Structures are given as structure tokens and as C-alpha cells.
């Protein structure tokens, strides 16, 4: 796995550090961020996603809250060929 650091929350204190990385082999994002609060998870479950799809969060998944300021680090597929552009 080849990871590329994309960014960390600006002005982050030493022990509070939402961070985002790109897996350059798969294009997946790895995100370290705040755990969603139980009421946020419940709200996500109430909204749902695809009709008929379970709203349970499996043990191998979680819901994280990504601060809005971190959106600047999410790569855009601007070149139209499905590749994540390198920065």
C-alpha cells in the first residue's frame, strides 16, 4: 500500500488531529477524524441511503465526522479519466 499524506486539520493541537491520506494503489481515502456521536449515527440511520439497504453499521465500519475545513484535502477527479490527480 502506497499512502500519500493529504492534510491535517489546520492549527491542530498535538492531541486532536483529523488527518486524511490517499491510498495511491486504490484511490481510497483513509480518514482519521472524530467519531460520530450516537445521535448523529441515529440520524444517519433514520435518513438511510439506498431503499431497502440496511441502516445498521457493521462492526468493521464506522461513521466519522470530517470537519468542513478538511474538505480542501479531498482529491477531485478533475481530469475525467477516473484517476486521482497527483498534487
PDB file of N, CA and C in Angstrom:
ATOM      1  N   UNK A   1       0.848  -1.165   0.000  1.00  0.00           N
ATOM      2  CA  UNK A   1       0.000   0.000   0.000  1.00  0.00           C
ATOM      3  C   UNK A   1       0.900   1.237   0.000  1.00  0.00           C
ATOM      4  N   UNK A   2       0.635   2.119  -0.954  1.00  0.00           N
ATOM      5  CA  UNK A   2       1.385   3.373  -1.032  1.00  0.00           C
ATOM      6  C   UNK A   2       0.469   4.503  -0.574  1.00  0.00           C
ATOM      7  N   UNK A   3       0.726   5.032   0.619  1.00  0.00           N
ATOM      8  CA  UNK A   3      -0.097   6.109   1.154  1.00  0.00           C
ATOM      9  C   UNK A   3       0.562   7.455   0.914  1.00  0.00           C
ATOM     10  N   UNK A   4      -0.288   8.430   0.600  1.00  0.00           N
ATOM     11  CA  UNK A   4       0.183   9.809   0.474  1.00  0.00           C
ATOM     12  C   UNK A   4      -0.599  10.662   1.462  1.00  0.00           C
ATOM     13  N   UNK A   5       0.116  11.379   2.302  1.00  0.00           N
ATOM     14  CA  UNK A   5      -0.495  12.313   3.236  1.00  0.00           C
ATOM     15  C   UNK A   5      -1.107  13.452   2.437  1.00  0.00           C
ATOM     16  N   UNK A   6      -2.396  13.745   2.706  1.00  0.00           N
ATOM     17  CA  UNK A   6      -3.067  14.840   2.017  1.00  0.00           C
ATOM     18  C   UNK A   6      -3.204  16.079   2.894  1.00  0.00           C
ATOM     19  N   UNK A   7      -3.494  15.866   4.180  1.00  0.00           N
ATOM     20  CA  UNK A   7      -3.633  17.040   5.027  1.00  0.00           C
ATOM     21  C   UNK A   7      -4.053  16.693   6.435  1.00  0.00           C
ATOM     22  N   UNK A   8      -3.865  17.666   7.296  1.00  0.00           N
ATOM     23  CA  UNK A   8      -4.257  17.557   8.699  1.00  0.00           C
ATOM     24  C   UNK A   8      -5.024  18.833   9.022  1.00  0.00           C
ATOM     25  N   UNK A   9      -5.942  18.760   9.971  1.00  0.00           N
ATOM     26  CA  UNK A   9      -6.748  19.930  10.302  1.00  0.00           C
ATOM     27  C   UNK A   9      -5.816  21.102  10.632  1.00  0.00           C
ATOM     28  N   UNK A  10      -6.042  22.250   9.983  1.00  0.00           N
ATOM     29  CA  UNK A  10      -5.169  23.389  10.239  1.00  0.00           C
ATOM     30  C   UNK A  10      -5.166  23.781  11.717  1.00  0.00           C
ATOM     31  N   UNK A  11      -4.035  24.231  12.169  1.00  0.00           N
ATOM     32  CA  UNK A  11      -3.856  24.687  13.558  1.00  0.00           C
ATOM     33  C   UNK A  11      -4.221  23.605  14.571  1.00  0.00           C
ATOM     34  N   UNK A  12      -3.959  22.357  14.206  1.00  0.00           N
ATOM     35  CA  UNK A  12      -4.317  21.255  15.078  1.00  0.00           C
ATOM     36  C   UNK A  12      -3.466  21.243  16.341  1.00  0.00           C
ATOM     37  N   UNK A  13      -4.109  20.994  17.481  1.00  0.00           N
ATOM     38  CA  UNK A  13      -3.307  20.786  18.685  1.00  0.00           C
ATOM     39  C   UNK A  13      -2.622  19.417  18.598  1.00  0.00           C
ATOM     40  N   UNK A  14      -1.726  19.152  19.500  1.00  0.00           N
ATOM     41  CA  UNK A  14      -0.935  17.923  19.473  1.00  0.00           C
ATOM     42  C   UNK A  14      -1.805  16.669  19.570  1.00  0.00           C
ATOM     43  N   UNK A  15      -2.886  16.726  20.341  1.00  0.00           N
ATOM     44  CA  UNK A  15      -3.663  15.507  20.592  1.00  0.00           C
ATOM     45  C   UNK A  15      -5.042  15.514  19.942  1.00  0.00           C
ATOM     46  N   UNK A  16      -5.282  16.356  18.966  1.00  0.00           N
ATOM     47  CA  UNK A  16      -6.579  16.438  18.291  1.00  0.00           C
ATOM     48  C   UNK A  16      -6.277  16.648  16.820  1.00  0.00           C
ATOM     49  N   UNK A  17      -6.294  15.554  16.041  1.00  0.00           N
ATOM     50  CA  UNK A  17      -5.666  15.678  14.731  1.00  0.00           C
ATOM     51  C   UNK A  17      -6.382  14.949  13.604  1.00  0.00           C
ATOM     52  N   UNK A  18      -7.588  15.382  13.194  1.00  0.00           N
ATOM     53  CA  UNK A  18      -8.171  14.793  11.995  1.00  0.00           C
ATOM     54  C   UNK A  18      -7.174  14.880  10.836  1.00  0.00           C
ATOM     55  N   UNK A  19      -6.968  13.759  10.173  1.00  0.00           N
ATOM     56  CA  UNK A  19      -5.955  13.636   9.127  1.00  0.00           C
ATOM     57  C   UNK A  19      -6.537  12.834   7.979  1.00  0.00           C
ATOM     58  N   UNK A  20      -6.040  13.083   6.756  1.00  0.00           N
ATOM     59  CA  UNK A  20      -6.528  12.342   5.597  1.00  0.00           C
ATOM     60  C   UNK A  20      -5.338  11.918   4.739  1.00  0.00           C
ATOM     61  N   UNK A  21      -5.406  10.666   4.260  1.00  0.00           N
ATOM     62  CA  UNK A  21      -4.381  10.080   3.394  1.00  0.00           C
ATOM     63  C   UNK A  21      -5.060   9.495   2.162  1.00  0.00           C
ATOM     64  N   UNK A  22      -4.308   9.353   1.091  1.00  0.00           N
ATOM     65  CA  UNK A  22      -4.775   8.720  -0.144  1.00  0.00           C
ATOM     66  C   UNK A  22      -3.989   7.444  -0.355  1.00  0.00           C
ATOM     67  N   UNK A  23      -4.698   6.323  -0.576  1.00  0.00           N
ATOM     68  CA  UNK A  23      -4.055   5.078  -0.979  1.00  0.00           C
ATOM     69  C   UNK A  23      -3.848   5.193  -2.488  1.00  0.00           C
ATOM     70  N   UNK A  24      -2.623   5.404  -2.891  1.00  0.00           N
ATOM     71  CA  UNK A  24      -2.332   5.632  -4.303  1.00  0.00           C
ATOM     72  C   UNK A  24      -2.529   4.391  -5.155  1.00  0.00           C
ATOM     73  N   UNK A  25      -2.592   3.214  -4.556  1.00  0.00           N
ATOM     74  CA  UNK A  25      -2.831   1.995  -5.314  1.00  0.00           C
ATOM     75  C   UNK A  25      -4.305   1.818  -5.663  1.00  0.00           C
ATOM     76  N   UNK A  26      -5.196   2.243  -4.762  1.00  0.00           N
ATOM     77  CA  UNK A  26      -6.627   2.009  -4.967  1.00  0.00           C
ATOM     78  C   UNK A  26      -7.438   3.286  -5.176  1.00  0.00           C
ATOM     79  N   UNK A  27      -6.878   4.432  -4.785  1.00  0.00           N
ATOM     80  CA  UNK A  27      -7.629   5.685  -4.831  1.00  0.00           C
ATOM     81  C   UNK A  27      -8.496   5.896  -3.602  1.00  0.00           C
ATOM     82  N   UNK A  28      -8.479   4.940  -2.668  1.00  0.00           N
ATOM     83  CA  UNK A  28      -9.271   5.068  -1.440  1.00  0.00           C
ATOM     84  C   UNK A  28      -8.701   6.162  -0.551  1.00  0.00           C
ATOM     85  N   UNK A  29      -9.587   6.763   0.247  1.00  0.00           N
ATOM     86  CA  UNK A  29      -9.165   7.730   1.248  1.00  0.00           C
ATOM     87  C   UNK A  29      -9.178   7.061   2.608  1.00  0.00           C
ATOM     88  N   UNK A  30      -8.169   7.306   3.409  1.00  0.00           N
ATOM     89  CA  UNK A  30      -8.131   6.860   4.797  1.00  0.00           C
ATOM     90  C   UNK A  30      -8.267   8.114   5.641  1.00  0.00           C
ATOM     91  N   UNK A  31      -9.253   8.113   6.519  1.00  0.00           N
ATOM     92  CA  UNK A  31      -9.587   9.311   7.270  1.00  0.00           C
ATOM     93  C   UNK A  31      -9.552   9.029   8.758  1.00  0.00           C
ATOM     94  N   UNK A  32      -8.751   9.802   9.460  1.00  0.00           N
ATOM     95  CA  UNK A  32      -8.760   9.800  10.924  1.00  0.00           C
ATOM     96  C   UNK A  32      -9.537  11.040  11.316  1.00  0.00           C
ATOM     97  N   UNK A  33     -10.602  10.853  12.062  1.00  0.00           N
ATOM     98  CA  UNK A  33     -11.397  12.007  12.450  1.00  0.00           C
ATOM     99  C   UNK A  33     -12.203  11.678  13.691  1.00  0.00           C
ATOM    100  N   UNK A  34     -13.110  12.567  14.018  1.00  0.00           N
ATOM    101  CA  UNK A  34     -13.922  12.407  15.211  1.00  0.00           C
ATOM    102  C   UNK A  34     -14.969  11.327  15.006  1.00  0.00           C
ATOM    103  N   UNK A  35     -15.208  10.520  16.024  1.00  0.00           N
ATOM    104  CA  UNK A  35     -16.289   9.535  15.975  1.00  0.00           C
ATOM    105  C   UNK A  35     -17.610  10.290  15.974  1.00  0.00           C
ATOM    106  N   UNK A  36     -18.525   9.820  15.147  1.00  0.00           N
ATOM    107  CA  UNK A  36     -19.861  10.407  15.163  1.00  0.00           C
ATOM    108  C   UNK A  36     -20.506  10.090  16.508  1.00  0.00           C
ATOM    109  N   UNK A  37     -21.238  11.053  17.029  1.00  0.00           N
ATOM    110  CA  UNK A  37     -21.941  10.857  18.292  1.00  0.00           C
ATOM    111  C   UNK A  37     -23.126   9.925  18.054  1.00  0.00           C
ATOM    112  N   UNK A  38     -23.576   9.222  19.098  1.00  0.00           N
ATOM    113  CA  UNK A  38     -24.704   8.296  18.935  1.00  0.00           C
ATOM    114  C   UNK A  38     -25.915   8.950  18.269  1.00  0.00           C
ATOM    115  N   UNK A  39     -26.212  10.204  18.611  1.00  0.00           N
ATOM    116  CA  UNK A  39     -27.365  10.864  17.995  1.00  0.00           C
ATOM    117  C   UNK A  39     -27.133  11.158  16.508  1.00  0.00           C
ATOM    118  N   UNK A  40     -25.861  11.343  16.119  1.00  0.00           N
ATOM    119  CA  UNK A  40     -25.544  11.549  14.707  1.00  0.00           C
ATOM    120  C   UNK A  40     -25.683  10.239  13.928  1.00  0.00           C
ATOM    121  N   UNK A  41     -25.209   9.145  14.529  1.00  0.00           N
ATOM    122  CA  UNK A  41     -25.365   7.833  13.897  1.00  0.00           C
ATOM    123  C   UNK A  41     -26.849   7.521  13.722  1.00  0.00           C
ATOM    124  N   UNK A  42     -27.632   7.788  14.756  1.00  0.00           N
ATOM    125  CA  UNK A  42     -29.076   7.537  14.690  1.00  0.00           C
ATOM    126  C   UNK A  42     -29.710   8.365  13.571  1.00  0.00           C
ATOM    127  N   UNK A  43     -29.310   9.620  13.448  1.00  0.00           N
ATOM    128  CA  UNK A  43     -29.849  10.472  12.382  1.00  0.00           C
ATOM    129  C   UNK A  43     -29.485   9.915  11.010  1.00  0.00           C
ATOM    130  N   UNK A  44     -28.249   9.441  10.845  1.00  0.00           N
ATOM    131  CA  UNK A  44     -27.840   8.827   9.574  1.00  0.00           C
ATOM    132  C   UNK A  44     -28.698   7.606   9.280  1.00  0.00           C
ATOM    133  N   UNK A  45     -28.952   6.798  10.307  1.00  0.00           N
ATOM    134  CA  UNK A  45     -29.763   5.599  10.126  1.00  0.00           C
ATOM    135  C   UNK A  45     -31.199   5.955   9.769  1.00  0.00           C
ATOM    136  N   UNK A  46     -31.722   7.034  10.353  1.00  0.00           N
ATOM    137  CA  UNK A  46     -33.090   7.451  10.048  1.00  0.00           C
ATOM    138  C   UNK A  46     -33.216   7.941   8.608  1.00  0.00           C
ATOM    139  N   UNK A  47     -32.193   8.640   8.113  1.00  0.00           N
ATOM    140  CA  UNK A  47     -32.198   9.125   6.728  1.00  0.00           C
ATOM    141  C   UNK A  47     -32.014   7.954   5.767  1.00  0.00           C
ATOM    142  N   UNK A  48     -31.123   7.032   6.122  1.00  0.00           N
ATOM    143  CA  UNK A  48     -30.855   5.876   5.270  1.00  0.00           C
ATOM    144  C   UNK A  48     -30.043   6.244   4.043  1.00  0.00           C
ATOM    145  N   UNK A  49     -29.996   5.327   3.094  1.00  0.00           N
ATOM    146  CA  UNK A  49     -29.251   5.561   1.857  1.00  0.00           C
ATOM    147  C   UNK A  49     -30.052   5.018   0.684  1.00  0.00           C
ATOM    148  N   UNK A  50     -29.764   3.805   0.276  1.00  0.00           N
ATOM    149  CA  UNK A  50     -30.448   3.171  -0.840  1.00  0.00           C
ATOM    150  C   UNK A  50     -31.682   2.440  -0.301  1.00  0.00           C
ATOM    151  N   UNK A  51     -32.846   2.637  -0.908  1.00  0.00           N
ATOM    152  CA  UNK A  51     -34.042   1.952  -0.413  1.00  0.00           C
ATOM    153  C   UNK A  51     -33.815   0.446  -0.259  1.00  0.00           C
ATOM    154  N   UNK A  52     -34.220  -0.071   0.894  1.00  0.00           N
ATOM    155  CA  UNK A  52     -34.088  -1.498   1.167  1.00  0.00           C
ATOM    156  C   UNK A  52     -32.752  -1.902   1.750  1.00  0.00           C
ATOM    157  N   UNK A  53     -31.784  -0.993   1.777  1.00  0.00           N
ATOM    158  CA  UNK A  53     -30.461  -1.316   2.325  1.00  0.00           C
ATOM    159  C   UNK A  53     -30.493  -1.148   3.835  1.00  0.00           C
ATOM    160  N   UNK A  54     -29.840  -2.040   4.536  1.00  0.00           N
ATOM    161  CA  UNK A  54     -29.775  -1.975   5.988  1.00  0.00           C
ATOM    162  C   UNK A  54     -29.165  -0.652   6.439  1.00  0.00           C
ATOM    163  N   UNK A  55     -29.665  -0.121   7.533  1.00  0.00           N
ATOM    164  CA  UNK A  55     -29.083   1.098   8.095  1.00  0.00           C
ATOM    165  C   UNK A  55     -28.153   0.785   9.265  1.00  0.00           C
ATOM    166  N   UNK A  56     -27.979  -0.499   9.576  1.00  0.00           N
ATOM    167  CA  UNK A  56     -27.047  -0.890  10.629  1.00  0.00           C
ATOM    168  C   UNK A  56     -25.621  -0.599  10.175  1.00  0.00           C
ATOM    169  N   UNK A  57     -24.758  -0.225  11.110  1.00  0.00           N
ATOM    170  CA  UNK A  57     -23.350  -0.007  10.823  1.00  0.00           C
ATOM    171  C   UNK A  57     -22.612  -1.270  11.257  1.00  0.00           C
ATOM    172  N   UNK A  58     -22.061  -2.033  10.296  1.00  0.00           N
ATOM    173  CA  UNK A  58     -21.371  -3.270  10.652  1.00  0.00           C
ATOM    174  C   UNK A  58     -20.177  -3.018  11.564  1.00  0.00           C
ATOM    175  N   UNK A  59     -19.783  -4.039  12.284  1.00  0.00           N
ATOM    176  CA  UNK A  59     -18.661  -3.921  13.220  1.00  0.00           C
ATOM    177  C   UNK A  59     -17.369  -3.475  12.538  1.00  0.00           C
ATOM    178  N   UNK A  60     -17.199  -3.814  11.252  1.00  0.00           N
ATOM    179  CA  UNK A  60     -15.962  -3.456  10.555  1.00  0.00           C
ATOM    180  C   UNK A  60     -16.043  -2.066   9.913  1.00  0.00           C
ATOM    181  N   UNK A  61     -17.119  -1.315  10.155  1.00  0.00           N
ATOM    182  CA  UNK A  61     -17.281   0.033   9.632  1.00  0.00           C
ATOM    183  C   UNK A  61     -17.595   0.995  10.778  1.00  0.00           C
ATOM    184  N   UNK A  62     -17.477   2.278  10.498  1.00  0.00           N
ATOM    185  CA  UNK A  62     -17.857   3.299  11.469  1.00  0.00           C
ATOM    186  C   UNK A  62     -18.296   4.538  10.712  1.00  0.00           C
ATOM    187  N   UNK A  63     -18.918   5.454  11.384  1.00  0.00           N
ATOM    188  CA  UNK A  63     -19.261   6.745  10.812  1.00  0.00           C
ATOM    189  C   UNK A  63     -18.378   7.770  11.499  1.00  0.00           C
ATOM    190  N   UNK A  64     -17.630   8.537  10.702  1.00  0.00           N
ATOM    191  CA  UNK A  64     -16.780   9.578  11.262  1.00  0.00           C
ATOM    192  C   UNK A  64     -17.312  10.936  10.834  1.00  0.00           C
ATOM    193  N   UNK A  65     -17.037  11.944  11.643  1.00  0.00           N
ATOM    194  CA  UNK A  65     -17.391  13.321  11.307  1.00  0.00           C
ATOM    195  C   UNK A  65     -16.122  14.003  10.828  1.00  0.00           C
ATOM    196  N   UNK A  66     -16.130  14.431   9.576  1.00  0.00           N
ATOM    197  CA  UNK A  66     -14.991  15.123   8.988  1.00  0.00           C
ATOM    198  C   UNK A  66     -15.268  16.626   9.049  1.00  0.00           C
ATOM    199  N   UNK A  67     -14.438  17.395   9.772  1.00  0.00           N
ATOM    200  CA  UNK A  67     -14.663  18.831   9.840  1.00  0.00           C
ATOM    201  C   UNK A  67     -14.660  19.455   8.435  1.00  0.00           C
ATOM    202  N   UNK A  68     -15.523  20.436   8.224  1.00  0.00           N
ATOM    203  CA  UNK A  68     -15.663  21.074   6.910  1.00  0.00           C
ATOM    204  C   UNK A  68     -14.331  21.585   6.372  1.00  0.00           C
ATOM    205  N   UNK A  69     -13.468  22.073   7.244  1.00  0.00           N
ATOM    206  CA  UNK A  69     -12.183  22.609   6.811  1.00  0.00           C
ATOM    207  C   UNK A  69     -11.319  21.528   6.148  1.00  0.00           C
ATOM    208  N   UNK A  70     -11.593  20.257   6.439  1.00  0.00           N
ATOM    209  CA  UNK A  70     -10.817  19.160   5.867  1.00  0.00           C
ATOM    210  C   UNK A  70     -11.208  18.849   4.429  1.00  0.00           C
ATOM    211  N   UNK A  71     -12.357  19.352   3.961  1.00  0.00           N
ATOM    212  CA  UNK A  71     -12.799  19.077   2.581  1.00  0.00           C
ATOM    213  C   UNK A  71     -11.793  19.557   1.555  1.00  0.00           C
ATOM    214  N   UNK A  72     -10.994  20.544   1.905  1.00  0.00           N
ATOM    215  CA  UNK A  72      -9.998  21.070   0.968  1.00  0.00           C
ATOM    216  C   UNK A  72      -8.957  20.026   0.581  1.00  0.00           C
ATOM    217  N   UNK A  73      -8.804  18.983   1.395  1.00  0.00           N
ATOM    218  CA  UNK A  73      -7.789  17.969   1.135  1.00  0.00           C
ATOM    219  C   UNK A  73      -8.316  16.771   0.349  1.00  0.00           C
ATOM    220  N   UNK A  74      -9.616  16.715   0.084  1.00  0.00           N
ATOM    221  CA  UNK A  74     -10.179  15.590  -0.653  1.00  0.00           C
ATOM    222  C   UNK A  74      -9.884  15.781  -2.140  1.00  0.00           C
ATOM    223  N   UNK A  75      -9.215  14.823  -2.784  1.00  0.00           N
ATOM    224  CA  UNK A  75      -8.858  14.966  -4.199  1.00  0.00           C
ATOM    225  C   UNK A  75     -10.104  15.038  -5.074  1.00  0.00           C
ATOM    226  N   UNK A  76     -10.015  15.789  -6.157  1.00  0.00           N
ATOM    227  CA  UNK A  76     -11.096  15.907  -7.131  1.00  0.00           C
ATOM    228  C   UNK A  76     -10.714  15.108  -8.371  1.00  0.00           C
ATOM    229  N   UNK A  77     -11.665  14.451  -8.968  1.00  0.00           N
ATOM    230  CA  UNK A  77     -11.408  13.716 -10.208  1.00  0.00           C
ATOM    231  C   UNK A  77     -11.631  14.666 -11.379  1.00  0.00           C
ATOM    232  N   UNK A  78     -10.783  15.666 -11.486  1.00  0.00           N
ATOM    233  CA  UNK A  78     -10.983  16.740 -12.446  1.00  0.00           C
ATOM    234  C   UNK A  78     -10.556  16.383 -13.865  1.00  0.00           C
ATOM    235  N   UNK A  79      -9.691  15.381 -14.015  1.00  0.00           N
ATOM    236  CA  UNK A  79      -9.208  15.090 -15.358  1.00  0.00           C
ATOM    237  C   UNK A  79     -10.148  14.191 -16.145  1.00  0.00           C
ATOM    238  N   UNK A  80     -11.207  13.675 -15.495  1.00  0.00           N
ATOM    239  CA  UNK A  80     -12.253  12.934 -16.191  1.00  0.00           C
ATOM    240  C   UNK A  80     -11.909  11.511 -16.562  1.00  0.00           C
ATOM    241  N   UNK A  81     -10.707  11.018 -16.255  1.00  0.00           N
ATOM    242  CA  UNK A  81     -10.368   9.645 -16.639  1.00  0.00           C
ATOM    243  C   UNK A  81     -10.443   8.668 -15.475  1.00  0.00           C
ATOM    244  N   UNK A  82     -10.995   9.113 -14.334  1.00  0.00           N
ATOM    245  CA  UNK A  82     -11.137   8.230 -13.207  1.00  0.00           C
ATOM    246  C   UNK A  82      -9.900   8.117 -12.345  1.00  0.00           C
ATOM    247  N   UNK A  83      -8.835   8.787 -12.740  1.00  0.00           N
ATOM    248  CA  UNK A  83      -7.602   8.752 -11.975  1.00  0.00           C
ATOM    249  C   UNK A  83      -7.606   9.893 -10.967  1.00  0.00           C
ATOM    250  N   UNK A  84      -7.038   9.644  -9.796  1.00  0.00           N
ATOM    251  CA  UNK A  84      -6.885  10.685  -8.805  1.00  0.00           C
ATOM    252  C   UNK A  84      -5.661  11.501  -9.181  1.00  0.00           C
ATOM    253  N   UNK A  85      -5.844  12.803  -9.451  1.00  0.00           N
ATOM    254  CA  UNK A  85      -4.692  13.599  -9.842  1.00  0.00           C
ATOM    255  C   UNK A  85      -3.685  13.714  -8.710  1.00  0.00           C
ATOM    256  N   UNK A  86      -2.411  13.685  -9.054  1.00  0.00           N
ATOM    257  CA  UNK A  86      -1.379  13.838  -8.029  1.00  0.00           C
ATOM    258  C   UNK A  86      -1.182  15.316  -7.761  1.00  0.00           C
ATOM    259  N   UNK A  87      -0.776  15.619  -6.533  1.00  0.00           N
ATOM    260  CA  UNK A  87      -0.573  17.027  -6.168  1.00  0.00           C
ATOM    261  C   UNK A  87       0.893  17.341  -6.043  1.00  0.00           C
TER     262      UNK A  87
END
